[in-house]
Amino acid sequence: MDRRYNLSLQFVPVMVINSKTSMLTTDILLEVELNRAAGPNITTVIESASLTTDPLHADSKFSESLTATPLSQFPIEGDLLSIANLIWKLPTKGSLVKHRLHLDYTVKQQDPPLKYTFDDIVELTVPDVQFEICTQVLSQQPGAQLCRATSPCHFVISIRFLKEMSCSLLVVLDADDRMWTLVERTKMVTIKDSGLGQLALTIIPVVAGYLPFPNVSIYECQLVSEAVIPGNDILFFNRSAGKQIRVLSPNNSDNNNFGKQDVVRGSNRIKKTIEKLFD
């Protein structure tokens, strides 16, 4: 009775599961990836899948279980080295919301086929994103299609408020000073009743090459002694995240001739260049 035995059991997963969230207009989507990169050479069949919020204590707004809307069709077969994606539209937003993931699947090669289930608790932070932005970098030089190093450019930010109401926001830029000189780092923008707003800030590329866009932060506006200071930061979806721009080598003759009149002319040209906020 006092003896102890050590057993070594080899375990190879049938599938590897990864999950991530994304945004589609005002909806938050959960994408669950089923990767058959490892395991035996069998065919799994996902018969059904469900995603529900895990009920919490009675005084919480999540006290009742909510079912996410599935955007995938079943059954889904998965052979070895295949990848399948299960997508749901999440039913609620909040911080650290627990969701219960349930899968029913079978294996084709088994006779008779056996039914398997997978249950897991996924804790998600689903932000209530109400703004989205789109950014562009345009040359201030007349007739120029690309920016040149050491020449001023417009950094255009188009903002859409998903609630379609007016408000005032403070936009703040941040960038690596080895790549960009931020002539204008902050600027206030007014969102119209349509929910749309746009502003342009002057930036100067320091070097030539493919440069990442400056980082954008958006804050609520607070007035203190007739001065505008940043309030609470605002969550937003950036459609241009990870985008780069090609910057040409500097043209000394153009830089010497580029004056205040060209800056004003470039500011007027930008209104004609952008015909719409979002493609």
Protein backbone atom coordinates (compact mmCIF):
# COMPACT_ATOMS: atom_id res chain seq x y z
CA MET A 1 0.00 0.00 0.00
CA ASP A 2 2.91 2.35 0.61
CA ARG A 3 4.45 1.83 -2.79
CA ARG A 4 4.45 4.63 -5.35
CA TYR A 5 4.56 4.18 -9.09
CA ASN A 6 5.43 6.79 -11.71
CA LEU A 7 3.70 6.49 -15.07
CA SER A 8 4.70 8.50 -18.13
CA LEU A 9 1.78 9.22 -20.43
CA GLN A 10 2.42 10.77 -23.81
CA PHE A 11 -0.21 13.32 -24.79
CA VAL A 12 -0.61 14.79 -28.26
CA PRO A 13 -3.38 17.41 -28.65
CA VAL A 14 -6.02 16.81 -31.29
CA MET A 15 -6.24 20.55 -31.94
CA VAL A 16 -4.65 23.76 -30.68
CA ILE A 17 -7.11 26.55 -29.80
CA ASN A 18 -6.27 30.25 -29.96
CA SER A 19 -8.63 33.20 -29.63
CA LYS A 20 -8.59 36.92 -30.37
CA THR A 21 -11.05 39.80 -30.54
CA SER A 22 -11.60 42.33 -33.32
CA MET A 23 -13.98 45.17 -34.11
CA LEU A 24 -16.58 45.37 -36.88
CA THR A 25 -18.30 48.80 -36.88
CA THR A 26 -19.84 48.93 -33.38
CA ASP A 27 -19.68 45.15 -32.74
CA ILE A 28 -16.91 43.22 -31.00
CA LEU A 29 -16.14 39.83 -32.53
CA LEU A 30 -14.43 36.83 -30.94
CA GLU A 31 -12.51 34.61 -33.32
CA VAL A 32 -11.55 31.13 -32.07
CA GLU A 33 -8.93 29.41 -34.24
CA LEU A 34 -8.88 25.60 -34.28
CA ASN A 35 -5.44 24.55 -35.54
CA ARG A 36 -4.80 20.91 -36.49
CA ALA A 37 -1.05 21.43 -36.76
CA ALA A 38 -0.35 18.47 -34.46
CA GLY A 39 -1.91 15.21 -33.42
CA PRO A 40 -2.92 12.03 -35.24
CA ASN A 41 -3.96 11.89 -38.89
CA ILE A 42 -7.70 11.94 -38.25
CA THR A 43 -10.64 14.09 -39.35
CA THR A 44 -12.44 16.00 -36.61
CA VAL A 45 -15.96 17.30 -37.16
CA ILE A 46 -17.19 20.26 -35.10
CA GLU A 47 -20.89 19.48 -34.82
CA SER A 48 -21.86 22.54 -32.80
CA ALA A 49 -20.35 25.33 -30.73
CA SER A 50 -21.76 27.88 -28.32
CA LEU A 51 -20.47 30.90 -26.42
CA THR A 52 -22.33 32.29 -23.41
CA THR A 53 -21.47 34.76 -20.68
CA ASP A 54 -20.83 33.18 -17.31
CA PRO A 55 -23.41 34.51 -14.78
CA LEU A 56 -21.96 36.47 -11.86
CA HIS A 57 -23.45 37.60 -8.57
CA ALA A 58 -27.06 38.75 -8.50
CA ASP A 59 -26.46 42.50 -8.28
CA SER A 60 -24.32 42.54 -11.43
CA LYS A 61 -25.57 43.53 -14.86
CA PHE A 62 -24.17 40.17 -16.03
CA SER A 63 -26.29 38.14 -13.57
CA GLU A 64 -28.12 36.47 -16.45
CA SER A 65 -26.35 34.33 -19.01
CA LEU A 66 -26.25 35.89 -22.50
CA THR A 67 -25.67 33.92 -25.69
CA ALA A 68 -23.27 35.25 -28.32
CA THR A 69 -24.47 35.37 -31.92
CA PRO A 70 -22.62 32.76 -34.03
CA LEU A 71 -21.32 33.83 -37.45
CA SER A 72 -20.05 30.36 -38.45
CA GLN A 73 -21.89 27.50 -40.14
CA PHE A 74 -21.77 23.94 -38.76
CA PRO A 75 -20.64 21.19 -39.12
CA ILE A 76 -16.99 22.08 -39.78
CA GLU A 77 -14.53 19.36 -40.74
CA GLY A 78 -10.85 19.60 -39.87
CA ASP A 79 -8.15 17.39 -41.38
CA LEU A 80 -4.55 17.25 -40.24
CA LEU A 81 -2.71 20.56 -40.93
CA SER A 82 -6.01 22.40 -41.44
CA ILE A 83 -7.20 25.57 -39.68
CA ALA A 84 -10.83 26.45 -38.95
CA ASN A 85 -12.18 29.69 -37.47
CA LEU A 86 -15.25 30.03 -35.27
CA ILE A 87 -16.60 33.58 -34.99
CA TRP A 88 -19.15 35.08 -32.58
CA LYS A 89 -20.55 38.56 -32.07
CA LEU A 90 -20.14 39.20 -28.35
CA PRO A 91 -23.38 40.01 -26.51
CA THR A 92 -22.01 42.53 -24.01
CA LYS A 93 -19.10 44.86 -23.32
CA GLY A 94 -17.12 45.33 -20.15
CA SER A 95 -13.91 44.59 -18.31
CA LEU A 96 -12.90 40.95 -17.68
CA VAL A 97 -16.22 39.39 -18.75
CA LYS A 98 -16.16 35.60 -18.42
CA HIS A 99 -17.48 33.60 -21.39
CA ARG A 100 -18.09 29.85 -21.46
CA LEU A 101 -16.97 28.14 -24.68
CA HIS A 102 -18.59 24.77 -25.45
CA LEU A 103 -17.70 22.55 -28.42
CA ASP A 104 -19.24 19.26 -29.53
CA TYR A 105 -17.11 17.28 -31.97
CA THR A 106 -16.68 13.76 -33.36
CA VAL A 107 -13.89 11.82 -35.08
CA LYS A 108 -14.72 10.32 -38.47
CA GLN A 109 -12.34 7.34 -38.32
CA GLN A 110 -13.95 5.88 -35.18
CA ASP A 111 -16.46 3.06 -35.52
CA PRO A 112 -18.82 3.58 -33.88
CA PRO A 113 -18.16 7.37 -33.78
CA LEU A 114 -17.87 8.81 -30.30
CA LYS A 115 -18.99 12.27 -29.30
CA TYR A 116 -16.54 14.52 -27.46
CA THR A 117 -17.07 17.83 -25.71
CA PHE A 118 -14.76 20.70 -24.88
CA ASP A 119 -15.57 23.29 -22.21
CA ASP A 120 -13.49 26.27 -21.24
CA ILE A 121 -13.88 29.65 -19.54
CA VAL A 122 -12.52 32.56 -21.58
CA GLU A 123 -12.06 35.86 -19.73
CA LEU A 124 -12.33 38.78 -22.14
CA THR A 125 -12.02 42.53 -21.79
CA VAL A 126 -14.46 43.93 -24.33
CA PRO A 127 -13.90 47.70 -24.61
CA ASP A 128 -16.76 50.03 -25.43
CA VAL A 129 -15.10 51.67 -28.45
CA GLN A 130 -17.07 54.67 -29.71
CA PHE A 131 -14.57 56.31 -32.08
CA GLU A 132 -12.61 55.22 -35.13
CA ILE A 133 -9.91 57.13 -36.99
CA CYS A 134 -8.18 57.04 -40.36
CA THR A 135 -4.83 58.80 -40.91
CA GLN A 136 -2.96 60.03 -44.00
CA VAL A 137 0.35 61.81 -44.66
CA LEU A 138 0.30 64.34 -47.52
CA SER A 139 3.04 66.59 -48.85
CA GLN A 140 2.58 70.34 -48.40
CA GLN A 141 4.58 71.08 -51.56
CA PRO A 142 2.40 71.99 -54.58
CA GLY A 143 2.09 69.15 -57.09
CA ALA A 144 4.10 66.70 -54.95
CA GLN A 145 2.67 63.21 -54.56
CA LEU A 146 5.21 61.96 -52.00
CA CYS A 147 6.80 63.56 -48.96
CA ARG A 148 10.48 64.45 -48.88
CA ALA A 149 12.78 64.36 -45.88
CA THR A 150 13.14 67.75 -44.11
CA SER A 151 10.06 69.11 -45.95
CA PRO A 152 6.80 69.80 -44.06
CA CYS A 153 3.89 67.39 -44.53
CA HIS A 154 0.27 67.28 -43.41
CA PHE A 155 -0.69 64.50 -41.01
CA VAL A 156 -4.44 64.27 -41.62
CA ILE A 157 -6.65 62.58 -39.02
CA SER A 158 -10.27 61.78 -39.87
CA ILE A 159 -12.42 60.88 -36.86
CA ARG A 160 -15.86 59.28 -36.74
CA PHE A 161 -17.98 59.20 -33.60
CA LEU A 162 -20.15 56.09 -33.79
CA LYS A 163 -22.94 57.76 -31.82
CA GLU A 164 -23.42 60.57 -34.36
CA MET A 165 -23.35 63.50 -31.96
CA SER A 166 -21.15 66.56 -31.52
CA CYS A 167 -18.28 66.85 -29.05
CA SER A 168 -14.81 68.38 -28.69
CA LEU A 169 -11.67 66.26 -28.48
CA LEU A 170 -7.98 66.89 -27.95
CA VAL A 171 -5.63 65.00 -30.31
CA VAL A 172 -2.02 64.42 -29.24
CA LEU A 173 0.78 63.06 -31.46
CA ASP A 174 3.87 61.13 -30.40
CA ALA A 175 6.71 59.93 -32.62
CA ASP A 176 10.37 58.91 -32.64
CA ASP A 177 12.33 62.16 -33.03
CA ARG A 178 14.84 60.29 -35.19
CA MET A 179 12.08 59.89 -37.80
CA TRP A 180 9.64 62.77 -37.34
CA THR A 181 9.75 66.37 -36.15
CA LEU A 182 6.34 67.24 -34.75
CA VAL A 183 5.79 70.90 -35.56
CA GLU A 184 2.25 70.60 -34.18
CA ARG A 185 1.94 68.06 -31.42
CA THR A 186 -1.55 68.83 -30.09
CA LYS A 187 -4.73 70.23 -31.62
CA MET A 188 -8.39 70.40 -30.67
CA VAL A 189 -11.05 69.13 -33.07
CA THR A 190 -14.81 69.52 -33.00
CA ILE A 191 -16.92 66.52 -34.00
CA LYS A 192 -20.02 67.64 -35.91
CA ASP A 193 -23.57 66.44 -35.33
CA SER A 194 -23.03 63.91 -38.13
CA GLY A 195 -20.35 62.28 -35.98
CA LEU A 196 -17.51 63.29 -38.34
CA GLY A 197 -14.48 65.46 -37.75
CA GLN A 198 -11.11 66.10 -39.38
CA LEU A 199 -7.90 67.95 -38.61
CA ALA A 200 -4.39 68.30 -40.04
CA LEU A 201 -1.15 68.74 -38.11
CA THR A 202 2.21 69.73 -39.58
CA ILE A 203 4.99 67.16 -39.27
CA ILE A 204 8.44 66.93 -40.91
CA PRO A 205 10.10 63.62 -41.83
CA VAL A 206 13.72 63.61 -40.66
CA VAL A 207 15.07 60.79 -42.84
CA ALA A 208 14.17 59.10 -46.13
CA GLY A 209 12.77 55.59 -46.34
CA TYR A 210 9.62 53.82 -45.18
CA LEU A 211 8.55 55.50 -41.95
CA PRO A 212 5.79 54.41 -39.57
CA PHE A 213 2.98 56.86 -38.94
CA PRO A 214 3.16 58.90 -35.71
CA ASN A 215 1.17 57.54 -32.78
CA VAL A 216 -2.18 59.17 -32.07
CA SER A 217 -3.84 59.64 -28.68
CA ILE A 218 -7.28 61.17 -28.15
CA TYR A 219 -8.52 62.77 -24.94
CA GLU A 220 -11.62 64.47 -23.69
CA CYS A 221 -11.29 68.25 -23.52
CA GLN A 222 -11.17 69.97 -20.15
CA LEU A 223 -11.19 73.75 -19.77
CA VAL A 224 -9.14 75.05 -16.82
CA SER A 225 -8.70 78.84 -16.57
CA GLU A 226 -9.52 79.23 -20.27
CA ALA A 227 -6.82 76.67 -21.15
CA VAL A 228 -7.48 73.30 -22.78
CA ILE A 229 -5.88 70.34 -21.03
CA PRO A 230 -6.26 66.60 -21.70
CA GLY A 231 -9.03 64.83 -19.79
CA ASN A 232 -9.78 61.12 -19.80
CA ASP A 233 -8.20 59.15 -22.63
CA ILE A 234 -10.59 57.76 -25.25
CA LEU A 235 -10.51 54.28 -26.75
CA PHE A 236 -10.67 54.22 -30.54
CA PHE A 237 -10.16 51.88 -33.47
CA ASN A 238 -7.34 52.95 -35.81
CA ARG A 239 -7.95 51.82 -39.39
CA SER A 240 -4.41 52.89 -40.32
CA ALA A 241 -2.64 51.01 -37.53
CA GLY A 242 0.75 49.68 -38.63
CA LYS A 243 0.75 51.72 -41.85
CA GLN A 244 3.98 53.18 -43.29
CA ILE A 245 4.74 55.94 -45.79
CA ARG A 246 7.56 56.18 -48.30
CA VAL A 247 9.63 59.35 -47.84
CA LEU A 248 11.97 60.56 -50.59
CA SER A 249 15.44 62.03 -50.10
CA PRO A 250 15.53 65.79 -49.48
CA ASN A 251 15.56 68.22 -52.39
CA ASN A 252 17.67 71.17 -51.33
CA SER A 253 16.36 73.55 -53.98
CA ASP A 254 12.77 72.87 -53.01
CA ASN A 255 13.54 73.34 -49.33
CA ASN A 256 15.13 76.72 -49.95
CA ASN A 257 12.10 77.93 -51.92
CA PHE A 258 9.52 76.52 -49.57
CA GLY A 259 8.07 79.43 -47.56
CA LYS A 260 5.04 80.47 -45.66
CA GLN A 261 2.99 81.01 -48.80
CA ASP A 262 3.54 77.40 -49.85
CA VAL A 263 2.44 76.23 -46.42
CA VAL A 264 -0.82 78.19 -46.76
CA ARG A 265 -1.28 76.90 -50.31
CA GLY A 266 -0.74 73.33 -49.09
CA SER A 267 -3.34 73.83 -46.36
CA ASN A 268 -5.90 74.93 -48.96
CA ARG A 269 -4.99 72.05 -51.28
CA ILE A 270 -5.63 69.47 -48.60
CA LYS A 271 -9.32 70.35 -48.52
CA LYS A 272 -9.61 69.48 -52.20
CA THR A 273 -7.44 66.36 -52.01
CA ILE A 274 -9.54 64.47 -49.47
CA GLU A 275 -12.99 63.84 -50.85
CA LYS A 276 -14.20 61.53 -48.12
CA LEU A 277 -13.23 60.60 -44.60
CA PHE A 278 -13.24 56.83 -44.95
CA ASP A 279 -12.84 54.58 -47.96
